[in-house]
Amino acid sequence: MRYDNSHSMIVAWVKIALPLAALALLSTLFMFSDKVDPQLAQFYAKVDVAELAREQRMTSPTYAGMTEDGSALTVRASAARPDPNGGAGASAERLVAKIESRDGMVTDLTAAAGLLDPGNEGIRLSDGVTVQTSTGYRMATPVVQIATDRSRLEAPQPVMADGPFGTINADSMLMTTNAAGSQDLIFNGHVKLIYQPQE
């Protein structure tokens, strides 16, 4: 092969040398690469690599559905893992739920923990549940059970609430849809209302 000048000869050699050097560098990386050490990886990552490798876990799961009476239900969590008791559901952390009824009422819920089992028992929020309705009620209770097939929200344990008319303490609370399609909020058991007139 003849070259007209030295520049053409250099270009021809570079076209051969550079791909060969790249191939040699790539093979070296594969040859000397080692498995990731979770202990070392923790220094560079904000997540617990060892924990992620040990357990089954889903980050940011979302459930969205429509009940038979036309309410929209959305539930989000920061993480979920299989039920430790062997059930069909999944235990979840830091849940945020929203129920939007046909009549326009919106109910927002937050909880530190919960159990997602839409096919069987619904969604259970626990470890300090807060409930806020668009009609002006703010409630706190240890546990809330949300049905996924109909508009039904139940707090079987004591409830403390602030509402448009004052503060309410009750043994339990139930929110359902009546025949007209609007939401009923019912406080049961020993109910104590401290009335605060509106100015």
N, C-alpha and C. Protein backbone atom coordinates (compact mmCIF):
# COMPACT_ATOMS: atom_id res chain seq x y z
N MET A 1 0.84 -1.19 0.00
CA MET A 1 0.00 0.00 0.00
C MET A 1 0.88 1.24 0.00
N ARG A 2 0.66 2.15 -0.98
CA ARG A 2 1.47 3.37 -1.08
C ARG A 2 0.70 4.54 -0.54
N TYR A 3 1.40 5.49 0.08
CA TYR A 3 0.80 6.71 0.62
C TYR A 3 1.46 7.91 -0.04
N ASP A 4 0.63 8.90 -0.34
CA ASP A 4 1.15 10.09 -1.01
C ASP A 4 2.01 10.93 -0.09
N ASN A 5 1.63 10.96 1.18
CA ASN A 5 2.42 11.77 2.12
C ASN A 5 2.35 11.15 3.50
N SER A 6 3.11 11.73 4.41
CA SER A 6 3.17 11.18 5.77
C SER A 6 1.84 11.35 6.50
N HIS A 7 1.11 12.40 6.19
CA HIS A 7 -0.19 12.63 6.85
C HIS A 7 -1.17 11.49 6.56
N SER A 8 -1.25 11.06 5.33
CA SER A 8 -2.14 9.96 4.97
C SER A 8 -1.74 8.67 5.67
N MET A 9 -0.42 8.45 5.82
CA MET A 9 0.05 7.25 6.49
C MET A 9 -0.32 7.26 7.98
N ILE A 10 -0.22 8.42 8.61
CA ILE A 10 -0.57 8.53 10.04
C ILE A 10 -2.06 8.28 10.23
N VAL A 11 -2.89 8.86 9.38
CA VAL A 11 -4.34 8.67 9.47
C VAL A 11 -4.69 7.20 9.31
N ALA A 12 -4.05 6.51 8.39
CA ALA A 12 -4.33 5.09 8.16
C ALA A 12 -3.99 4.26 9.39
N TRP A 13 -2.83 4.55 10.03
CA TRP A 13 -2.44 3.81 11.23
C TRP A 13 -3.35 4.13 12.42
N VAL A 14 -3.78 5.39 12.52
CA VAL A 14 -4.68 5.77 13.62
C VAL A 14 -6.02 5.04 13.51
N LYS A 15 -6.51 4.86 12.27
CA LYS A 15 -7.78 4.16 12.07
C LYS A 15 -7.71 2.71 12.56
N ILE A 16 -6.52 2.15 12.56
CA ILE A 16 -6.34 0.78 13.04
C ILE A 16 -6.03 0.77 14.52
N ALA A 17 -5.18 1.69 14.98
CA ALA A 17 -4.69 1.66 16.36
C ALA A 17 -5.76 2.02 17.38
N LEU A 18 -6.58 3.05 17.08
CA LEU A 18 -7.57 3.50 18.06
C LEU A 18 -8.64 2.45 18.38
N PRO A 19 -9.24 1.79 17.38
CA PRO A 19 -10.20 0.73 17.73
C PRO A 19 -9.57 -0.41 18.52
N LEU A 20 -8.29 -0.77 18.17
CA LEU A 20 -7.63 -1.83 18.92
C LEU A 20 -7.37 -1.42 20.37
N ALA A 21 -7.00 -0.15 20.59
CA ALA A 21 -6.77 0.33 21.95
C ALA A 21 -8.07 0.34 22.75
N ALA A 22 -9.16 0.75 22.10
CA ALA A 22 -10.46 0.76 22.78
C ALA A 22 -10.89 -0.65 23.16
N LEU A 23 -10.66 -1.61 22.28
CA LEU A 23 -11.01 -3.01 22.56
C LEU A 23 -10.17 -3.55 23.72
N ALA A 24 -8.88 -3.21 23.74
CA ALA A 24 -8.00 -3.67 24.82
C ALA A 24 -8.44 -3.07 26.16
N LEU A 25 -8.83 -1.79 26.14
CA LEU A 25 -9.27 -1.14 27.38
C LEU A 25 -10.56 -1.75 27.90
N LEU A 26 -11.49 -2.03 27.00
CA LEU A 26 -12.76 -2.64 27.39
C LEU A 26 -12.57 -4.02 27.97
N SER A 27 -11.70 -4.84 27.32
CA SER A 27 -11.45 -6.18 27.87
C SER A 27 -10.77 -6.14 29.23
N THR A 28 -9.91 -5.13 29.44
CA THR A 28 -9.26 -4.98 30.74
C THR A 28 -10.28 -4.68 31.84
N LEU A 29 -11.26 -3.84 31.51
CA LEU A 29 -12.30 -3.52 32.49
C LEU A 29 -13.07 -4.76 32.91
N PHE A 30 -13.42 -5.61 31.94
CA PHE A 30 -14.16 -6.83 32.27
C PHE A 30 -13.29 -7.83 33.02
N MET A 31 -11.99 -7.88 32.67
CA MET A 31 -11.10 -8.85 33.30
C MET A 31 -10.87 -8.56 34.78
N PHE A 32 -10.71 -7.26 35.09
CA PHE A 32 -10.36 -6.88 36.46
C PHE A 32 -11.55 -6.42 37.28
N SER A 33 -12.76 -6.45 36.69
CA SER A 33 -13.93 -6.02 37.47
C SER A 33 -14.26 -7.07 38.52
N ASP A 34 -14.82 -6.62 39.64
CA ASP A 34 -15.15 -7.51 40.76
C ASP A 34 -16.59 -7.26 41.16
N LYS A 35 -17.14 -8.13 41.98
CA LYS A 35 -18.50 -7.95 42.47
C LYS A 35 -18.58 -6.71 43.34
N VAL A 36 -19.78 -6.10 43.36
CA VAL A 36 -19.98 -4.92 44.19
C VAL A 36 -20.02 -5.33 45.66
N ASP A 37 -19.21 -4.67 46.45
CA ASP A 37 -19.21 -4.90 47.90
C ASP A 37 -20.24 -3.98 48.53
N PRO A 38 -21.34 -4.53 49.13
CA PRO A 38 -22.36 -3.67 49.72
C PRO A 38 -21.83 -2.72 50.77
N GLN A 39 -20.78 -3.16 51.50
CA GLN A 39 -20.22 -2.30 52.55
C GLN A 39 -19.58 -1.05 51.94
N LEU A 40 -18.86 -1.25 50.82
CA LEU A 40 -18.23 -0.11 50.17
C LEU A 40 -19.26 0.74 49.42
N ALA A 41 -20.26 0.08 48.85
CA ALA A 41 -21.27 0.81 48.07
C ALA A 41 -22.07 1.76 48.94
N GLN A 42 -22.20 1.46 50.23
CA GLN A 42 -22.98 2.32 51.11
C GLN A 42 -22.36 3.70 51.26
N PHE A 43 -21.06 3.80 51.06
CA PHE A 43 -20.42 5.11 51.17
C PHE A 43 -20.81 6.02 50.02
N TYR A 44 -21.18 5.43 48.88
CA TYR A 44 -21.47 6.21 47.69
C TYR A 44 -22.96 6.32 47.39
N ALA A 45 -23.80 5.49 48.03
CA ALA A 45 -25.23 5.50 47.73
C ALA A 45 -26.01 5.97 48.96
N LYS A 46 -27.17 6.57 48.69
CA LYS A 46 -28.03 7.03 49.77
C LYS A 46 -28.99 5.93 50.24
N VAL A 47 -29.01 4.79 49.55
CA VAL A 47 -29.87 3.68 49.94
C VAL A 47 -29.04 2.60 50.61
N ASP A 48 -29.70 1.74 51.38
CA ASP A 48 -29.02 0.63 52.04
C ASP A 48 -28.94 -0.52 51.03
N VAL A 49 -27.78 -0.67 50.40
CA VAL A 49 -27.61 -1.67 49.35
C VAL A 49 -27.77 -3.07 49.92
N ALA A 50 -27.21 -3.32 51.10
CA ALA A 50 -27.30 -4.65 51.70
C ALA A 50 -28.74 -5.03 51.99
N GLU A 51 -29.53 -4.06 52.46
CA GLU A 51 -30.95 -4.33 52.75
C GLU A 51 -31.72 -4.62 51.48
N LEU A 52 -31.45 -3.86 50.41
CA LEU A 52 -32.13 -4.09 49.14
C LEU A 52 -31.79 -5.47 48.58
N ALA A 53 -30.57 -5.93 48.79
CA ALA A 53 -30.17 -7.24 48.29
C ALA A 53 -30.82 -8.37 49.09
N ARG A 54 -31.11 -8.13 50.39
CA ARG A 54 -31.65 -9.16 51.26
C ARG A 54 -33.15 -9.38 51.08
N GLU A 55 -33.92 -8.30 50.94
CA GLU A 55 -35.36 -8.44 51.00
C GLU A 55 -36.05 -8.02 49.71
N GLN A 56 -37.24 -8.61 49.51
CA GLN A 56 -38.08 -8.22 48.38
C GLN A 56 -38.77 -6.91 48.74
N ARG A 57 -38.68 -5.94 47.85
CA ARG A 57 -39.24 -4.63 48.17
C ARG A 57 -39.59 -3.87 46.90
N MET A 58 -40.71 -3.18 46.93
CA MET A 58 -41.14 -2.37 45.80
C MET A 58 -41.19 -0.92 46.27
N THR A 59 -40.56 -0.03 45.52
CA THR A 59 -40.57 1.38 45.91
C THR A 59 -41.67 2.13 45.16
N SER A 60 -42.30 3.06 45.86
CA SER A 60 -43.34 3.94 45.32
C SER A 60 -44.49 3.20 44.62
N PRO A 61 -45.08 2.16 45.28
CA PRO A 61 -46.22 1.50 44.64
C PRO A 61 -47.46 2.39 44.68
N THR A 62 -48.35 2.23 43.70
CA THR A 62 -49.58 3.01 43.61
C THR A 62 -50.75 2.08 43.28
N TYR A 63 -51.85 2.28 44.00
CA TYR A 63 -53.09 1.57 43.68
C TYR A 63 -54.13 2.62 43.30
N ALA A 64 -54.83 2.39 42.19
CA ALA A 64 -55.90 3.29 41.77
C ALA A 64 -57.06 2.46 41.28
N GLY A 65 -58.27 2.83 41.70
CA GLY A 65 -59.45 2.07 41.28
C GLY A 65 -60.71 2.89 41.45
N MET A 66 -61.80 2.31 40.98
CA MET A 66 -63.12 2.94 41.07
C MET A 66 -64.05 1.98 41.80
N THR A 67 -64.79 2.50 42.78
CA THR A 67 -65.72 1.67 43.53
C THR A 67 -67.01 1.49 42.73
N GLU A 68 -67.85 0.56 43.19
CA GLU A 68 -69.10 0.28 42.49
C GLU A 68 -70.04 1.49 42.49
N ASP A 69 -69.93 2.34 43.51
CA ASP A 69 -70.82 3.51 43.56
C ASP A 69 -70.18 4.75 42.94
N GLY A 70 -69.07 4.59 42.24
CA GLY A 70 -68.51 5.68 41.44
C GLY A 70 -67.48 6.55 42.09
N SER A 71 -66.95 6.17 43.25
CA SER A 71 -65.90 6.96 43.89
C SER A 71 -64.53 6.51 43.38
N ALA A 72 -63.64 7.48 43.22
CA ALA A 72 -62.26 7.18 42.78
C ALA A 72 -61.37 7.05 44.00
N LEU A 73 -60.59 5.98 44.05
CA LEU A 73 -59.69 5.71 45.18
C LEU A 73 -58.26 5.59 44.66
N THR A 74 -57.37 6.36 45.29
CA THR A 74 -55.94 6.30 44.95
C THR A 74 -55.14 6.15 46.23
N VAL A 75 -54.20 5.22 46.24
CA VAL A 75 -53.33 5.01 47.40
C VAL A 75 -51.89 4.91 46.91
N ARG A 76 -51.00 5.69 47.53
CA ARG A 76 -49.57 5.65 47.22
C ARG A 76 -48.80 5.36 48.51
N ALA A 77 -47.66 4.69 48.35
CA ALA A 77 -46.80 4.40 49.49
C ALA A 77 -45.35 4.62 49.09
N SER A 78 -44.49 4.86 50.07
CA SER A 78 -43.07 5.04 49.75
C SER A 78 -42.42 3.70 49.44
N ALA A 79 -42.90 2.62 50.07
CA ALA A 79 -42.34 1.29 49.82
C ALA A 79 -43.34 0.24 50.26
N ALA A 80 -43.25 -0.95 49.67
CA ALA A 80 -44.11 -2.07 50.04
C ALA A 80 -43.32 -3.36 49.91
N ARG A 81 -43.66 -4.33 50.76
CA ARG A 81 -43.02 -5.64 50.72
C ARG A 81 -44.06 -6.70 51.03
N PRO A 82 -43.81 -7.97 50.69
CA PRO A 82 -44.80 -9.02 50.96
C PRO A 82 -45.20 -9.05 52.42
N ASP A 83 -46.47 -9.41 52.66
CA ASP A 83 -47.00 -9.47 54.02
C ASP A 83 -46.15 -10.43 54.86
N PRO A 84 -45.58 -9.96 55.98
CA PRO A 84 -44.73 -10.84 56.80
C PRO A 84 -45.50 -12.01 57.42
N ASN A 85 -46.85 -11.88 57.49
CA ASN A 85 -47.66 -12.97 58.05
C ASN A 85 -48.05 -14.00 56.99
N GLY A 86 -47.56 -13.84 55.78
CA GLY A 86 -47.84 -14.81 54.73
C GLY A 86 -49.14 -14.59 54.00
N GLY A 87 -49.81 -13.48 54.21
CA GLY A 87 -51.07 -13.20 53.53
C GLY A 87 -50.86 -12.78 52.08
N ALA A 88 -51.99 -12.53 51.40
CA ALA A 88 -51.93 -12.18 49.99
C ALA A 88 -51.54 -10.72 49.77
N GLY A 89 -51.69 -9.88 50.79
CA GLY A 89 -51.43 -8.46 50.63
C GLY A 89 -49.96 -8.11 50.79
N ALA A 90 -49.72 -6.80 50.88
CA ALA A 90 -48.36 -6.30 51.04
C ALA A 90 -48.36 -5.23 52.13
N SER A 91 -47.38 -5.29 53.02
CA SER A 91 -47.24 -4.24 54.03
C SER A 91 -46.57 -3.05 53.39
N ALA A 92 -46.96 -1.86 53.80
CA ALA A 92 -46.47 -0.64 53.15
C ALA A 92 -46.08 0.40 54.19
N GLU A 93 -45.27 1.36 53.75
CA GLU A 93 -44.78 2.44 54.62
C GLU A 93 -45.18 3.79 54.04
N ARG A 94 -45.47 4.72 54.93
CA ARG A 94 -45.77 6.11 54.58
C ARG A 94 -46.78 6.20 53.43
N LEU A 95 -48.04 5.93 53.80
CA LEU A 95 -49.10 5.89 52.81
C LEU A 95 -49.84 7.22 52.70
N VAL A 96 -50.27 7.54 51.50
CA VAL A 96 -51.11 8.69 51.22
C VAL A 96 -52.28 8.20 50.38
N ALA A 97 -53.51 8.43 50.84
CA ALA A 97 -54.69 7.95 50.13
C ALA A 97 -55.63 9.11 49.84
N LYS A 98 -56.41 8.98 48.75
CA LYS A 98 -57.40 9.99 48.39
C LYS A 98 -58.65 9.29 47.90
N ILE A 99 -59.81 9.73 48.41
CA ILE A 99 -61.10 9.22 47.96
C ILE A 99 -61.89 10.41 47.42
N GLU A 100 -62.32 10.32 46.17
CA GLU A 100 -63.11 11.37 45.55
C GLU A 100 -64.47 10.79 45.18
N SER A 101 -65.53 11.26 45.86
CA SER A 101 -66.87 10.71 45.64
C SER A 101 -67.55 11.39 44.46
N ARG A 102 -68.65 10.82 44.03
CA ARG A 102 -69.38 11.36 42.88
C ARG A 102 -69.93 12.76 43.14
N ASP A 103 -70.26 13.04 44.42
CA ASP A 103 -70.84 14.35 44.73
C ASP A 103 -69.77 15.42 44.92
N GLY A 104 -68.49 15.07 44.70
CA GLY A 104 -67.41 16.05 44.77
C GLY A 104 -66.67 16.11 46.08
N MET A 105 -67.10 15.32 47.07
CA MET A 105 -66.39 15.32 48.36
C MET A 105 -65.05 14.60 48.22
N VAL A 106 -64.00 15.20 48.79
CA VAL A 106 -62.66 14.63 48.74
C VAL A 106 -62.19 14.32 50.15
N THR A 107 -61.66 13.12 50.34
CA THR A 107 -61.11 12.72 51.63
C THR A 107 -59.65 12.33 51.44
N ASP A 108 -58.76 13.00 52.16
CA ASP A 108 -57.32 12.71 52.10
C ASP A 108 -56.89 12.04 53.40
N LEU A 109 -56.09 10.99 53.27
CA LEU A 109 -55.62 10.25 54.44
C LEU A 109 -54.11 10.06 54.36
N THR A 110 -53.45 10.07 55.51
CA THR A 110 -52.03 9.75 55.59
C THR A 110 -51.81 8.81 56.76
N ALA A 111 -50.81 7.95 56.65
CA ALA A 111 -50.49 7.00 57.72
C ALA A 111 -49.04 6.58 57.62
N ALA A 112 -48.46 6.20 58.75
CA ALA A 112 -47.05 5.76 58.76
C ALA A 112 -46.88 4.36 58.20
N ALA A 113 -47.93 3.52 58.32
CA ALA A 113 -47.84 2.13 57.85
C ALA A 113 -49.20 1.67 57.38
N GLY A 114 -49.23 0.49 56.76
CA GLY A 114 -50.50 -0.03 56.31
C GLY A 114 -50.35 -1.38 55.65
N LEU A 115 -51.49 -1.93 55.24
CA LEU A 115 -51.54 -3.22 54.55
C LEU A 115 -52.39 -3.06 53.31
N LEU A 116 -51.81 -3.37 52.14
CA LEU A 116 -52.51 -3.26 50.87
C LEU A 116 -52.98 -4.64 50.45
N ASP A 117 -54.29 -4.84 50.45
CA ASP A 117 -54.87 -6.11 50.02
C ASP A 117 -56.18 -5.83 49.30
N PRO A 118 -56.13 -5.15 48.15
CA PRO A 118 -57.35 -4.71 47.46
C PRO A 118 -58.31 -5.84 47.11
N GLY A 119 -57.80 -7.03 46.84
CA GLY A 119 -58.66 -8.13 46.43
C GLY A 119 -59.47 -8.75 47.54
N ASN A 120 -59.03 -8.62 48.79
CA ASN A 120 -59.70 -9.29 49.89
C ASN A 120 -60.24 -8.31 50.93
N GLU A 121 -59.39 -7.86 51.80
CA GLU A 121 -59.84 -7.05 52.93
C GLU A 121 -59.74 -5.55 52.68
N GLY A 122 -59.30 -5.15 51.53
CA GLY A 122 -59.19 -3.72 51.25
C GLY A 122 -57.84 -3.17 51.65
N ILE A 123 -57.84 -1.94 52.13
CA ILE A 123 -56.60 -1.25 52.50
C ILE A 123 -56.71 -0.80 53.94
N ARG A 124 -55.72 -1.18 54.73
CA ARG A 124 -55.71 -0.86 56.15
C ARG A 124 -54.58 0.12 56.43
N LEU A 125 -54.91 1.28 56.98
CA LEU A 125 -53.92 2.26 57.38
C LEU A 125 -53.74 2.19 58.88
N SER A 126 -52.51 2.34 59.35
CA SER A 126 -52.24 2.21 60.79
C SER A 126 -51.07 3.10 61.21
N ASP A 127 -50.75 3.03 62.49
CA ASP A 127 -49.63 3.79 63.08
C ASP A 127 -49.85 5.30 62.96
N GLY A 128 -51.00 5.75 63.40
CA GLY A 128 -51.28 7.19 63.40
C GLY A 128 -51.84 7.64 62.08
N VAL A 129 -53.16 7.61 61.95
CA VAL A 129 -53.82 7.96 60.69
C VAL A 129 -54.44 9.35 60.83
N THR A 130 -54.23 10.19 59.84
CA THR A 130 -54.91 11.49 59.81
C THR A 130 -55.87 11.49 58.62
N VAL A 131 -57.04 12.08 58.84
CA VAL A 131 -58.08 12.13 57.82
C VAL A 131 -58.52 13.58 57.67
N GLN A 132 -58.58 14.05 56.44
CA GLN A 132 -59.00 15.43 56.15
C GLN A 132 -60.06 15.37 55.06
N THR A 133 -61.24 15.96 55.33
CA THR A 133 -62.29 15.98 54.32
C THR A 133 -62.46 17.39 53.76
N SER A 134 -62.97 17.45 52.54
CA SER A 134 -63.18 18.75 51.90
C SER A 134 -64.34 19.51 52.55
N THR A 135 -65.11 18.83 53.42
CA THR A 135 -66.21 19.51 54.13
C THR A 135 -65.73 20.14 55.44
N GLY A 136 -64.43 20.03 55.74
CA GLY A 136 -63.89 20.73 56.89
C GLY A 136 -63.60 19.90 58.12
N TYR A 137 -63.65 18.57 58.02
CA TYR A 137 -63.34 17.72 59.17
C TYR A 137 -61.89 17.28 59.11
N ARG A 138 -61.19 17.36 60.25
CA ARG A 138 -59.83 16.86 60.41
C ARG A 138 -59.83 15.87 61.55
N MET A 139 -59.41 14.63 61.29
CA MET A 139 -59.51 13.56 62.29
C MET A 139 -58.17 12.85 62.48
N ALA A 140 -57.99 12.32 63.69
CA ALA A 140 -56.82 11.49 64.00
C ALA A 140 -57.31 10.23 64.69
N THR A 141 -56.78 9.09 64.27
CA THR A 141 -57.20 7.80 64.82
C THR A 141 -56.09 6.78 64.57
N PRO A 142 -56.00 5.71 65.38
CA PRO A 142 -54.90 4.75 65.19
C PRO A 142 -55.01 3.93 63.91
N VAL A 143 -56.24 3.56 63.52
CA VAL A 143 -56.43 2.62 62.40
C VAL A 143 -57.61 3.06 61.55
N VAL A 144 -57.48 2.91 60.23
CA VAL A 144 -58.59 3.14 59.31
C VAL A 144 -58.61 2.01 58.29
N GLN A 145 -59.80 1.46 58.05
CA GLN A 145 -59.99 0.41 57.06
C GLN A 145 -60.75 1.01 55.86
N ILE A 146 -60.17 0.90 54.66
CA ILE A 146 -60.79 1.44 53.45
C ILE A 146 -61.23 0.28 52.58
N ALA A 147 -62.51 0.26 52.21
CA ALA A 147 -63.00 -0.76 51.28
C ALA A 147 -62.64 -0.33 49.86
N THR A 148 -62.40 -1.31 48.99
CA THR A 148 -62.06 -1.01 47.60
C THR A 148 -63.22 -1.29 46.65
N ASP A 149 -64.26 -2.00 47.12
CA ASP A 149 -65.38 -2.30 46.24
C ASP A 149 -66.53 -1.30 46.37
N ARG A 150 -66.55 -0.51 47.46
CA ARG A 150 -67.60 0.48 47.68
C ARG A 150 -67.02 1.63 48.49
N SER A 151 -67.75 2.74 48.58
CA SER A 151 -67.28 3.89 49.36
C SER A 151 -67.56 3.64 50.83
N ARG A 152 -66.57 3.13 51.51
CA ARG A 152 -66.71 2.83 52.94
C ARG A 152 -65.36 3.01 53.62
N LEU A 153 -65.34 3.86 54.62
CA LEU A 153 -64.13 4.14 55.38
C LEU A 153 -64.49 3.99 56.85
N GLU A 154 -63.80 3.12 57.56
CA GLU A 154 -64.15 2.83 58.96
C GLU A 154 -62.94 2.98 59.87
N ALA A 155 -63.15 3.68 60.99
CA ALA A 155 -62.14 3.80 62.04
C ALA A 155 -62.69 3.10 63.27
N PRO A 156 -62.27 1.86 63.54
CA PRO A 156 -62.86 1.09 64.64
C PRO A 156 -62.36 1.48 66.03
N GLN A 157 -61.37 2.33 66.10
CA GLN A 157 -60.80 2.74 67.38
C GLN A 157 -61.09 4.22 67.63
N PRO A 158 -60.81 4.72 68.83
CA PRO A 158 -61.17 6.11 69.16
C PRO A 158 -60.70 7.14 68.15
N VAL A 159 -61.56 8.13 67.94
CA VAL A 159 -61.32 9.17 66.95
C VAL A 159 -61.39 10.53 67.61
N MET A 160 -60.42 11.39 67.31
CA MET A 160 -60.47 12.79 67.72
C MET A 160 -60.61 13.63 66.47
N ALA A 161 -61.60 14.52 66.46
CA ALA A 161 -61.89 15.27 65.23
C ALA A 161 -62.13 16.74 65.53
N ASP A 162 -61.75 17.57 64.56
CA ASP A 162 -62.13 18.98 64.54
C ASP A 162 -63.02 19.16 63.33
N GLY A 163 -64.16 19.82 63.55
CA GLY A 163 -65.10 20.02 62.46
C GLY A 163 -65.60 21.44 62.40
N PRO A 164 -66.50 21.70 61.47
CA PRO A 164 -67.04 23.06 61.33
C PRO A 164 -67.78 23.54 62.56
N PHE A 165 -68.28 22.60 63.38
CA PHE A 165 -69.08 22.99 64.55
C PHE A 165 -68.33 22.85 65.87
N GLY A 166 -67.09 22.35 65.86
CA GLY A 166 -66.35 22.19 67.10
C GLY A 166 -65.50 20.94 67.08
N THR A 167 -65.17 20.44 68.27
CA THR A 167 -64.34 19.24 68.39
C THR A 167 -65.20 18.05 68.78
N ILE A 168 -64.83 16.88 68.28
CA ILE A 168 -65.59 15.65 68.51
C ILE A 168 -64.64 14.56 68.96
N ASN A 169 -65.04 13.83 70.01
CA ASN A 169 -64.34 12.62 70.44
C ASN A 169 -65.34 11.48 70.39
N ALA A 170 -64.98 10.36 69.77
CA ALA A 170 -65.90 9.23 69.63
C ALA A 170 -65.14 7.93 69.71
N ASP A 171 -65.88 6.84 70.01
CA ASP A 171 -65.26 5.52 70.09
C ASP A 171 -64.90 4.97 68.71
N SER A 172 -65.63 5.38 67.69
CA SER A 172 -65.36 4.91 66.34
C SER A 172 -66.00 5.86 65.34
N MET A 173 -65.71 5.65 64.06
CA MET A 173 -66.25 6.51 63.01
C MET A 173 -66.49 5.69 61.75
N LEU A 174 -67.52 6.04 61.01
CA LEU A 174 -67.85 5.35 59.76
C LEU A 174 -68.23 6.39 58.71
N MET A 175 -67.66 6.26 57.52
CA MET A 175 -68.03 7.12 56.40
C MET A 175 -68.54 6.23 55.27
N THR A 176 -69.79 6.44 54.86
CA THR A 176 -70.40 5.63 53.80
C THR A 176 -71.14 6.53 52.82
N THR A 177 -71.60 5.92 51.73
CA THR A 177 -72.41 6.63 50.74
C THR A 177 -73.88 6.30 50.97
N ASN A 178 -74.74 7.31 51.04
CA ASN A 178 -76.16 7.07 51.25
C ASN A 178 -76.87 6.83 49.91
N ALA A 179 -78.20 6.64 49.98
CA ALA A 179 -78.98 6.32 48.77
C ALA A 179 -78.95 7.44 47.75
N ALA A 180 -78.78 8.67 48.21
CA ALA A 180 -78.75 9.81 47.30
C ALA A 180 -77.39 9.98 46.62
N GLY A 181 -76.38 9.18 47.05
CA GLY A 181 -75.07 9.25 46.43
C GLY A 181 -74.10 10.19 47.12
N SER A 182 -74.51 10.83 48.24
CA SER A 182 -73.61 11.72 48.98
C SER A 182 -73.02 10.97 50.18
N GLN A 183 -72.01 11.55 50.79
CA GLN A 183 -71.28 10.89 51.87
C GLN A 183 -71.91 11.19 53.23
N ASP A 184 -72.03 10.14 54.06
CA ASP A 184 -72.46 10.28 55.45
C ASP A 184 -71.27 10.02 56.36
N LEU A 185 -71.03 10.92 57.31
CA LEU A 185 -69.96 10.77 58.30
C LEU A 185 -70.63 10.52 59.64
N ILE A 186 -70.43 9.32 60.20
CA ILE A 186 -71.15 8.90 61.41
C ILE A 186 -70.14 8.62 62.52
N PHE A 187 -70.33 9.26 63.67
CA PHE A 187 -69.51 8.99 64.86
C PHE A 187 -70.33 8.11 65.79
N ASN A 188 -69.72 7.03 66.30
CA ASN A 188 -70.44 6.04 67.12
C ASN A 188 -69.83 5.90 68.50
N GLY A 189 -70.56 5.17 69.37
CA GLY A 189 -70.10 4.92 70.73
C GLY A 189 -70.33 6.11 71.62
N HIS A 190 -69.43 6.34 72.55
CA HIS A 190 -69.51 7.52 73.41
C HIS A 190 -68.99 8.72 72.62
N VAL A 191 -69.91 9.55 72.20
CA VAL A 191 -69.56 10.71 71.38
C VAL A 191 -69.65 11.97 72.22
N LYS A 192 -68.58 12.75 72.20
CA LYS A 192 -68.54 14.00 72.94
C LYS A 192 -68.29 15.14 71.96
N LEU A 193 -69.20 16.08 71.90
CA LEU A 193 -69.08 17.23 71.00
C LEU A 193 -68.93 18.51 71.83
N ILE A 194 -67.89 19.24 71.58
CA ILE A 194 -67.72 20.58 72.18
C ILE A 194 -68.04 21.59 71.09
N TYR A 195 -69.19 22.20 71.23
CA TYR A 195 -69.69 23.09 70.18
C TYR A 195 -68.99 24.44 70.26
N GLN A 196 -68.54 24.90 69.10
CA GLN A 196 -67.89 26.20 68.98
C GLN A 196 -68.63 27.00 67.93
N PRO A 197 -69.46 27.94 68.33
CA PRO A 197 -70.25 28.72 67.36
C PRO A 197 -69.35 29.45 66.38
N GLN A 198 -69.83 29.52 65.16
CA GLN A 198 -69.09 30.25 64.11
C GLN A 198 -69.30 31.75 64.30
N GLU A 199 -68.23 32.50 64.12
CA GLU A 199 -68.33 33.96 64.28
C GLU A 199 -68.96 34.58 63.04
